[in-house]
Amino acid sequence: MANHKSSEKRIRQTVKRTAVNRKRVSGIRSSLKKVEAAIASGDSNAAKAALKEAQPTLMSGVSKGVVKLGTASRKMSRLSSRIKKLAA
């Protein structure tokens, strides 16, 4: 256990931040799963709409430091290319 007031406070802050970050990551994963499901169903319009909804969620995760920019860019690129193949 912590022996100093400052370290006790750091522990409290870490618990709060961990909960917030887990919620953000969970939201990102959920939005990406919606896109995956739309692609699997074969409906290109639904997939485009789901991707359009998932992009702000993913980019807000980048700005909050939960996901790296390269990871988010890679995921968006791969999903959009799969949707383009689906439409063709």
N, C-alpha and C. Protein backbone atom coordinates (compact mmCIF):
# COMPACT_ATOMS: atom_id res chain seq x y z
N MET A 1 0.83 -1.20 0.00
CA MET A 1 0.00 0.00 0.00
C MET A 1 0.87 1.26 0.00
N ALA A 2 0.21 2.35 -0.37
CA ALA A 2 0.92 3.61 -0.45
C ALA A 2 1.16 4.19 0.94
N ASN A 3 2.29 4.84 1.08
CA ASN A 3 2.65 5.44 2.37
C ASN A 3 2.53 6.96 2.37
N HIS A 4 2.41 7.58 1.20
CA HIS A 4 2.35 9.03 1.11
C HIS A 4 1.00 9.46 0.54
N LYS A 5 0.60 10.66 0.91
CA LYS A 5 -0.67 11.18 0.40
C LYS A 5 -0.65 11.28 -1.12
N SER A 6 0.47 11.71 -1.66
CA SER A 6 0.55 11.89 -3.11
C SER A 6 0.44 10.55 -3.84
N SER A 7 1.04 9.51 -3.27
CA SER A 7 0.95 8.21 -3.93
C SER A 7 -0.45 7.62 -3.79
N GLU A 8 -1.15 7.93 -2.69
CA GLU A 8 -2.54 7.50 -2.55
C GLU A 8 -3.41 8.17 -3.60
N LYS A 9 -3.14 9.45 -3.82
CA LYS A 9 -3.90 10.18 -4.83
C LYS A 9 -3.61 9.63 -6.23
N ARG A 10 -2.36 9.32 -6.51
CA ARG A 10 -2.01 8.75 -7.81
C ARG A 10 -2.74 7.44 -8.04
N ILE A 11 -2.88 6.64 -7.00
CA ILE A 11 -3.59 5.37 -7.13
C ILE A 11 -5.06 5.62 -7.47
N ARG A 12 -5.68 6.60 -6.77
CA ARG A 12 -7.08 6.93 -7.06
C ARG A 12 -7.24 7.42 -8.50
N GLN A 13 -6.33 8.26 -8.96
CA GLN A 13 -6.41 8.80 -10.31
C GLN A 13 -6.22 7.70 -11.35
N THR A 14 -5.31 6.79 -11.07
CA THR A 14 -5.05 5.71 -12.01
C THR A 14 -6.27 4.82 -12.17
N VAL A 15 -6.96 4.55 -11.08
CA VAL A 15 -8.17 3.72 -11.15
C VAL A 15 -9.22 4.40 -12.02
N LYS A 16 -9.41 5.71 -11.83
CA LYS A 16 -10.40 6.44 -12.62
C LYS A 16 -10.02 6.47 -14.10
N ARG A 17 -8.76 6.77 -14.36
CA ARG A 17 -8.31 6.86 -15.76
C ARG A 17 -8.37 5.52 -16.47
N THR A 18 -8.05 4.45 -15.74
CA THR A 18 -8.12 3.12 -16.32
C THR A 18 -9.54 2.79 -16.72
N ALA A 19 -10.51 3.13 -15.87
CA ALA A 19 -11.91 2.87 -16.18
C ALA A 19 -12.35 3.65 -17.42
N VAL A 20 -11.95 4.90 -17.51
CA VAL A 20 -12.33 5.73 -18.66
C VAL A 20 -11.69 5.19 -19.94
N ASN A 21 -10.41 4.83 -19.87
CA ASN A 21 -9.72 4.32 -21.05
C ASN A 21 -10.29 2.99 -21.51
N ARG A 22 -10.65 2.12 -20.57
CA ARG A 22 -11.25 0.84 -20.95
C ARG A 22 -12.59 1.05 -21.64
N LYS A 23 -13.35 2.02 -21.16
CA LYS A 23 -14.63 2.32 -21.80
C LYS A 23 -14.41 2.84 -23.22
N ARG A 24 -13.40 3.67 -23.41
CA ARG A 24 -13.10 4.19 -24.74
C ARG A 24 -12.68 3.06 -25.69
N VAL A 25 -11.81 2.18 -25.22
CA VAL A 25 -11.35 1.07 -26.06
C VAL A 25 -12.52 0.15 -26.39
N SER A 26 -13.39 -0.09 -25.43
CA SER A 26 -14.55 -0.93 -25.65
C SER A 26 -15.47 -0.32 -26.70
N GLY A 27 -15.67 0.99 -26.64
CA GLY A 27 -16.49 1.67 -27.64
C GLY A 27 -15.90 1.59 -29.03
N ILE A 28 -14.59 1.71 -29.12
CA ILE A 28 -13.91 1.61 -30.41
C ILE A 28 -14.09 0.20 -30.98
N ARG A 29 -13.88 -0.81 -30.13
CA ARG A 29 -14.02 -2.19 -30.60
C ARG A 29 -15.45 -2.47 -31.04
N SER A 30 -16.42 -1.95 -30.31
CA SER A 30 -17.82 -2.17 -30.66
C SER A 30 -18.15 -1.55 -32.01
N SER A 31 -17.67 -0.33 -32.24
CA SER A 31 -17.95 0.33 -33.51
C SER A 31 -17.27 -0.41 -34.67
N LEU A 32 -16.07 -0.93 -34.44
CA LEU A 32 -15.39 -1.69 -35.49
C LEU A 32 -16.09 -3.02 -35.76
N LYS A 33 -16.64 -3.63 -34.71
CA LYS A 33 -17.38 -4.87 -34.90
C LYS A 33 -18.65 -4.65 -35.70
N LYS A 34 -19.28 -3.48 -35.53
CA LYS A 34 -20.47 -3.15 -36.32
C LYS A 34 -20.11 -3.06 -37.80
N VAL A 35 -18.95 -2.47 -38.08
CA VAL A 35 -18.50 -2.38 -39.48
C VAL A 35 -18.23 -3.77 -40.03
N GLU A 36 -17.55 -4.60 -39.23
CA GLU A 36 -17.25 -5.98 -39.66
C GLU A 36 -18.54 -6.75 -39.94
N ALA A 37 -19.55 -6.57 -39.09
CA ALA A 37 -20.82 -7.27 -39.28
C ALA A 37 -21.51 -6.80 -40.54
N ALA A 38 -21.44 -5.51 -40.81
CA ALA A 38 -22.07 -4.98 -42.02
C ALA A 38 -21.36 -5.50 -43.27
N ILE A 39 -20.05 -5.62 -43.20
CA ILE A 39 -19.29 -6.16 -44.33
C ILE A 39 -19.64 -7.64 -44.53
N ALA A 40 -19.75 -8.37 -43.42
CA ALA A 40 -20.07 -9.80 -43.51
C ALA A 40 -21.46 -10.03 -44.06
N SER A 41 -22.38 -9.10 -43.80
CA SER A 41 -23.75 -9.26 -44.31
C SER A 41 -23.81 -9.01 -45.81
N GLY A 42 -22.82 -8.30 -46.35
CA GLY A 42 -22.78 -8.05 -47.79
C GLY A 42 -23.46 -6.77 -48.22
N ASP A 43 -23.93 -5.98 -47.28
CA ASP A 43 -24.62 -4.73 -47.60
C ASP A 43 -23.60 -3.58 -47.59
N SER A 44 -23.28 -3.09 -48.78
CA SER A 44 -22.24 -2.06 -48.87
C SER A 44 -22.71 -0.73 -48.30
N ASN A 45 -23.99 -0.40 -48.47
CA ASN A 45 -24.49 0.87 -47.93
C ASN A 45 -24.45 0.87 -46.40
N ALA A 46 -24.85 -0.22 -45.80
CA ALA A 46 -24.80 -0.32 -44.34
C ALA A 46 -23.36 -0.28 -43.85
N ALA A 47 -22.46 -0.91 -44.59
CA ALA A 47 -21.05 -0.92 -44.22
C ALA A 47 -20.46 0.48 -44.29
N LYS A 48 -20.82 1.23 -45.34
CA LYS A 48 -20.33 2.61 -45.46
C LYS A 48 -20.84 3.47 -44.31
N ALA A 49 -22.12 3.29 -43.96
CA ALA A 49 -22.70 4.06 -42.86
C ALA A 49 -22.04 3.71 -41.54
N ALA A 50 -21.78 2.42 -41.32
CA ALA A 50 -21.14 1.99 -40.08
C ALA A 50 -19.71 2.52 -40.00
N LEU A 51 -19.02 2.53 -41.13
CA LEU A 51 -17.65 3.06 -41.16
C LEU A 51 -17.65 4.56 -40.87
N LYS A 52 -18.64 5.25 -41.40
CA LYS A 52 -18.74 6.69 -41.17
C LYS A 52 -19.00 6.99 -39.69
N GLU A 53 -19.73 6.11 -39.01
CA GLU A 53 -19.97 6.28 -37.58
C GLU A 53 -18.75 5.86 -36.75
N ALA A 54 -18.00 4.89 -37.24
CA ALA A 54 -16.86 4.38 -36.48
C ALA A 54 -15.65 5.31 -36.54
N GLN A 55 -15.52 6.06 -37.61
CA GLN A 55 -14.33 6.90 -37.79
C GLN A 55 -14.17 7.94 -36.68
N PRO A 56 -15.20 8.71 -36.32
CA PRO A 56 -15.00 9.68 -35.23
C PRO A 56 -14.66 9.02 -33.89
N THR A 57 -15.24 7.86 -33.64
CA THR A 57 -14.94 7.15 -32.40
C THR A 57 -13.47 6.75 -32.36
N LEU A 58 -12.99 6.24 -33.47
CA LEU A 58 -11.60 5.81 -33.55
C LEU A 58 -10.65 6.99 -33.44
N MET A 59 -10.95 8.08 -34.11
CA MET A 59 -10.07 9.24 -34.08
C MET A 59 -10.10 9.94 -32.72
N SER A 60 -11.23 9.88 -32.01
CA SER A 60 -11.25 10.46 -30.67
C SER A 60 -10.38 9.62 -29.73
N GLY A 61 -10.32 8.32 -29.98
CA GLY A 61 -9.42 7.46 -29.22
C GLY A 61 -7.97 7.82 -29.47
N VAL A 62 -7.68 8.22 -30.70
CA VAL A 62 -6.32 8.66 -31.03
C VAL A 62 -5.99 9.95 -30.29
N SER A 63 -6.92 10.89 -30.28
CA SER A 63 -6.65 12.17 -29.64
C SER A 63 -6.54 12.03 -28.12
N LYS A 64 -7.19 11.02 -27.55
CA LYS A 64 -7.11 10.78 -26.11
C LYS A 64 -5.94 9.90 -25.74
N GLY A 65 -5.24 9.35 -26.72
CA GLY A 65 -4.06 8.56 -26.44
C GLY A 65 -4.33 7.10 -26.14
N VAL A 66 -5.53 6.64 -26.46
CA VAL A 66 -5.87 5.24 -26.20
C VAL A 66 -5.38 4.35 -27.34
N VAL A 67 -5.42 4.88 -28.56
CA VAL A 67 -4.99 4.16 -29.75
C VAL A 67 -3.98 5.03 -30.48
N LYS A 68 -2.97 4.41 -31.06
CA LYS A 68 -1.98 5.17 -31.82
C LYS A 68 -2.54 5.54 -33.18
N LEU A 69 -2.04 6.62 -33.74
CA LEU A 69 -2.53 7.12 -35.02
C LEU A 69 -2.32 6.12 -36.14
N GLY A 70 -1.17 5.46 -36.16
CA GLY A 70 -0.90 4.48 -37.21
C GLY A 70 -1.84 3.30 -37.15
N THR A 71 -2.17 2.87 -35.95
CA THR A 71 -3.09 1.76 -35.78
C THR A 71 -4.47 2.13 -36.29
N ALA A 72 -4.94 3.32 -35.92
CA ALA A 72 -6.25 3.79 -36.36
C ALA A 72 -6.29 3.95 -37.88
N SER A 73 -5.24 4.51 -38.44
CA SER A 73 -5.18 4.70 -39.89
C SER A 73 -5.18 3.36 -40.62
N ARG A 74 -4.43 2.41 -40.10
CA ARG A 74 -4.38 1.09 -40.71
C ARG A 74 -5.75 0.42 -40.69
N LYS A 75 -6.44 0.49 -39.56
CA LYS A 75 -7.75 -0.13 -39.44
C LYS A 75 -8.74 0.51 -40.41
N MET A 76 -8.75 1.85 -40.47
CA MET A 76 -9.66 2.55 -41.36
C MET A 76 -9.35 2.21 -42.82
N SER A 77 -8.10 2.15 -43.16
CA SER A 77 -7.70 1.85 -44.54
C SER A 77 -8.14 0.45 -44.95
N ARG A 78 -7.90 -0.52 -44.08
CA ARG A 78 -8.25 -1.90 -44.40
C ARG A 78 -9.76 -2.09 -44.49
N LEU A 79 -10.50 -1.45 -43.59
CA LEU A 79 -11.96 -1.56 -43.64
C LEU A 79 -12.52 -0.89 -44.88
N SER A 80 -11.99 0.29 -45.22
CA SER A 80 -12.51 0.99 -46.40
C SER A 80 -12.18 0.23 -47.67
N SER A 81 -11.02 -0.41 -47.75
CA SER A 81 -10.69 -1.19 -48.94
C SER A 81 -11.61 -2.41 -49.06
N ARG A 82 -11.95 -3.02 -47.92
CA ARG A 82 -12.87 -4.16 -47.96
C ARG A 82 -14.27 -3.72 -48.40
N ILE A 83 -14.67 -2.51 -47.99
CA ILE A 83 -15.99 -2.01 -48.39
C ILE A 83 -15.97 -1.70 -49.89
N LYS A 84 -14.87 -1.17 -50.40
CA LYS A 84 -14.77 -0.90 -51.84
C LYS A 84 -14.85 -2.19 -52.64
N LYS A 85 -14.20 -3.25 -52.17
CA LYS A 85 -14.27 -4.54 -52.85
C LYS A 85 -15.69 -5.08 -52.82
N LEU A 86 -16.37 -4.85 -51.71
CA LEU A 86 -17.75 -5.30 -51.56
C LEU A 86 -18.69 -4.60 -52.55
N ALA A 87 -18.46 -3.31 -52.75
CA ALA A 87 -19.31 -2.54 -53.66
C ALA A 87 -19.06 -2.90 -55.12
N ALA A 88 -17.85 -3.34 -55.41
CA ALA A 88 -17.50 -3.63 -56.82
C ALA A 88 -18.06 -4.98 -57.28
